[in-house]
Every structure is written in C-alpha cells, then in structure tokens.
C-alpha atoms as a PDB file:
ATOM      1  CA  MET A   1     108.706 103.258  94.830  1.00  0.00           C
ATOM      2  CA  ILE A   2     106.218 101.109  92.960  1.00  0.00           C
ATOM      3  CA  PRO A   3     108.448  98.279  91.582  1.00  0.00           C
ATOM      4  CA  PRO A   4     109.062  96.625  95.004  1.00  0.00           C
ATOM      5  CA  VAL A   5     105.345  96.687  95.788  1.00  0.00           C
ATOM      6  CA  GLY A   6     104.468  95.324  92.352  1.00  0.00           C
ATOM      7  CA  ALA A   7     107.153  92.656  92.618  1.00  0.00           C
ATOM      8  CA  LEU A   8     105.854  91.638  96.022  1.00  0.00           C
ATOM      9  CA  LEU A   9     102.282  91.421  94.736  1.00  0.00           C
ATOM     10  CA  LEU A  10     103.298  89.409  91.664  1.00  0.00           C
ATOM     11  CA  LEU A  11     105.953  87.133  93.122  1.00  0.00           C
ATOM     12  CA  GLY A  12     105.655  87.206  96.908  1.00  0.00           C
ATOM     13  CA  ASN A  13     103.732  84.919  99.182  1.00  0.00           C
ATOM     14  CA  ALA A  14     102.648  84.792 102.829  1.00  0.00           C
ATOM     15  CA  ARG A  15     106.017  83.434 103.949  1.00  0.00           C
ATOM     16  CA  ARG A  16     107.987  86.314 102.520  1.00  0.00           C
ATOM     17  CA  PRO A  17     110.764  87.378 103.226  1.00  0.00           C
ATOM     18  CA  ASN A  18     111.897  83.851 104.034  1.00  0.00           C
ATOM     19  CA  GLU A  19     110.773  82.555 100.626  1.00  0.00           C
ATOM     20  CA  ARG A  20     111.069  84.070  97.141  1.00  0.00           C
ATOM     21  CA  TYR A  21     113.198  86.924  98.465  1.00  0.00           C
ATOM     22  CA  VAL A  22     115.655  86.872  95.564  1.00  0.00           C
ATOM     23  CA  ALA A  23     112.874  86.715  92.946  1.00  0.00           C
ATOM     24  CA  VAL A  24     111.062  89.716  94.441  1.00  0.00           C
ATOM     25  CA  ALA A  25     114.259  91.766  94.833  1.00  0.00           C
ATOM     26  CA  ALA A  26     115.561  90.924  91.347  1.00  0.00           C
ATOM     27  CA  PHE A  27     112.239  91.723  89.678  1.00  0.00           C
ATOM     28  CA  ALA A  28     111.965  95.051  91.500  1.00  0.00           C
ATOM     29  CA  ILE A  29     115.517  96.094  90.604  1.00  0.00           C
ATOM     30  CA  VAL A  30     115.296  95.002  86.958  1.00  0.00           C
ATOM     31  CA  PHE A  31     111.868  96.614  86.503  1.00  0.00           C
ATOM     32  CA  GLY A  32     113.049  99.828  88.186  1.00  0.00           C
ATOM     33  CA  ALA A  33     116.149 100.028  85.996  1.00  0.00           C
ATOM     34  CA  ALA A  34     114.129  99.284  82.839  1.00  0.00           C
ATOM     35  CA  TYR A  35     111.595 101.972  83.716  1.00  0.00           C
ATOM     36  CA  THR A  36     114.388 104.459  84.398  1.00  0.00           C
ATOM     37  CA  ILE A  37     115.947 103.797  80.998  1.00  0.00           C
ATOM     38  CA  PHE A  38     112.561 104.092  79.276  1.00  0.00           C
ATOM     39  CA  SER A  39     111.537 107.245  81.132  1.00  0.00           C
ATOM     40  CA  GLU A  40     114.839 109.042  80.717  1.00  0.00           C
ATOM     41  CA  ARG A  41     115.006 108.264  77.024  1.00  0.00           C
ATOM     42  CA  LEU A  42     111.391 109.326  76.531  1.00  0.00           C
ATOM     43  CA  ASN A  43     111.910 112.635  78.336  1.00  0.00           C
ATOM     44  CA  THR A  44     115.367 113.542  77.001  1.00  0.00           C
ATOM     45  CA  GLN A  45     115.236 112.286  73.421  1.00  0.00           C
ATOM     46  CA  VAL A  46     111.629 111.763  72.322  1.00  0.00           C
ATOM     47  CA  ARG A  47     109.808 114.579  74.105  1.00  0.00           C
ATOM     48  CA  ALA A  48     112.919 116.696  74.662  1.00  0.00           C
ATOM     49  CA  SER A  49     111.276 118.050  77.798  1.00  0.00           C
ATOM     50  CA  TRP A  50     114.656 118.339  79.545  1.00  0.00           C
ATOM     51  CA  THR A  51     118.329 117.611  78.901  1.00  0.00           C
ATOM     52  CA  TYR A  52     121.421 116.595  80.787  1.00  0.00           C
ATOM     53  CA  THR A  53     124.276 119.007  81.300  1.00  0.00           C
ATOM     54  CA  ASP A  54     127.724 118.122  79.979  1.00  0.00           C
ATOM     55  CA  LEU A  55     128.694 117.142  83.533  1.00  0.00           C
ATOM     56  CA  MET A  56     126.227 114.220  83.654  1.00  0.00           C
ATOM     57  CA  PRO A  57     127.823 110.973  82.509  1.00  0.00           C
ATOM     58  CA  THR A  58     125.480 109.078  80.199  1.00  0.00           C
ATOM     59  CA  LEU A  59     125.422 105.529  78.909  1.00  0.00           C
ATOM     60  CA  PRO A  60     126.577 105.567  75.274  1.00  0.00           C
ATOM     61  CA  VAL A  61     123.932 103.418  73.605  1.00  0.00           C
ATOM     62  CA  MET A  62     120.874 104.403  75.648  1.00  0.00           C
ATOM     63  CA  GLY A  63     121.646 108.012  76.486  1.00  0.00           C
ATOM     64  CA  THR A  64     120.386 107.451  80.019  1.00  0.00           C
ATOM     65  CA  GLY A  65     122.119 109.304  82.812  1.00  0.00           C
ATOM     66  CA  LEU A  66     124.437 107.169  84.886  1.00  0.00           C
ATOM     67  CA  SER A  67     123.340 108.722  88.174  1.00  0.00           C
ATOM     68  CA  PRO A  68     119.588 108.000  87.852  1.00  0.00           C
ATOM     69  CA  LEU A  69     120.245 104.459  86.689  1.00  0.00           C
ATOM     70  CA  THR A  70     122.687 103.865  89.533  1.00  0.00           C
ATOM     71  CA  GLN A  71     120.116 105.150  92.005  1.00  0.00           C
ATOM     72  CA  TRP A  72     117.583 102.607  90.737  1.00  0.00           C
ATOM     73  CA  VAL A  73     120.092  99.803  91.267  1.00  0.00           C
ATOM     74  CA  VAL A  74     122.140 100.759  94.341  1.00  0.00           C
ATOM     75  CA  ILE A  75     119.376 102.147  96.560  1.00  0.00           C
ATOM     76  CA  PRO A  76     116.988  99.194  96.086  1.00  0.00           C
ATOM     77  CA  LEU A  77     119.885  96.739  96.595  1.00  0.00           C
ATOM     78  CA  ALA A  78     120.762  98.477  99.872  1.00  0.00           C
ATOM     79  CA  ALA A  79     117.109  98.601 100.939  1.00  0.00           C
ATOM     80  CA  PHE A  80     116.500  94.925 100.187  1.00  0.00           C
ATOM     81  CA  TRP A  81     119.737  93.963 101.954  1.00  0.00           C
ATOM     82  CA  TRP A  82     118.780  96.043 104.999  1.00  0.00           C
ATOM     83  CA  ALA A  83     115.223  94.671 105.086  1.00  0.00           C
ATOM     84  CA  ARG A  84     116.431  91.086 104.732  1.00  0.00           C
ATOM     85  CA  ARG A  85     119.039  91.553 107.447  1.00  0.00           C
ATOM     86  CA  HIS A  86     116.491  92.884 109.909  1.00  0.00           C
ATOM     87  CA  THR A  87     113.645  90.491 109.127  1.00  0.00           C
ATOM     88  CA  ALA A  88     115.661  87.282 108.809  1.00  0.00           C
ATOM     89  CA  ALA A  89     117.703  87.729 112.013  1.00  0.00           C
ATOM     90  CA  PRO A  90     114.890  86.902 114.489  1.00  0.00           C
ATOM     91  CA  ALA A  91     114.121  83.676 112.628  1.00  0.00           C
ATOM     92  CA  ARG A  92     117.750  82.519 112.780  1.00  0.00           C
ATOM     93  CA  ILE A  93     118.495  83.366 116.390  1.00  0.00           C
ATOM     94  CA  ARG A  94     115.663  82.352 118.670  1.00  0.00           C
ATOM     95  CA  SER A  95     116.893  82.831 122.226  1.00  0.00           C
ATOM     96  CA  THR A  96     119.772  83.669 124.501  1.00  0.00           C
ATOM     97  CA  GLN A  97     120.767  81.526 127.447  1.00  0.00           C
ATOM     98  CA  GLY A  98     123.417  82.841 129.809  1.00  0.00           C
ATOM     99  CA  GLY A  99     124.612  85.414 127.281  1.00  0.00           C
ATOM    100  CA  VAL A 100     125.243  82.764 124.605  1.00  0.00           C
ATOM    101  CA  LEU A 101     123.190  82.811 121.431  1.00  0.00           C
ATOM    102  CA  THR A 102     121.660  79.498 120.549  1.00  0.00           C
ATOM    103  CA  ARG A 103     120.194  78.511 117.209  1.00  0.00           C
ATOM    104  CA  ARG A 104     117.116  76.371 116.811  1.00  0.00           C
END
C-alpha cells in the first residue's frame, strides 16, 4: 500500500505518530481513494480491459465500483486507528503503581 508510505515521507516527521498524524492519515486515504477512482475508470471505461458485473454497485457519476472505493477508505481508516491506538498508548500511560494506572 504505497499511499501511507508516500504520505509519511511527504508529511511525517521524526516525532510521528504523535505529531502530524491526521495529516498523514488524511493524505493517504484521499490519495488512495483518488487513485482507485482513476484506476478503475481507466481500466473499465478507457481501456475496457475488464468490466463489472450487474451485481457490483457503482457510483453514478464516476462509474467506480463501490466495493473497491470502500476498501480504500475503510481499511486504511481501520489501520490508522489501530496503529494510533497501539503507538499512542505507551506515551499516555507511563507506569503502574499498586495496580493503579498513573499518568505523567
């Protein structure tokens, strides 16, 4: 998945994920969705190298399949949420004393 890596290289910094997290995630998701729309239109309408079946819901104006576009939005959102949840937690909760979490 190249958009997250490209977004990180363009917008990230050494203190990521604590800084510029939203900018990196938003760029990756928007770029991924834009590429999906471009690629699907190129391959289904311009090149006609493949087509959707009647069962695939498509977006009316663009002709892009709903499933591929959803995958490029939902999966990266879930991945960024999961990564943020697991990388930000140690910074928020530093130690336990007597079974009670303390914040520093």
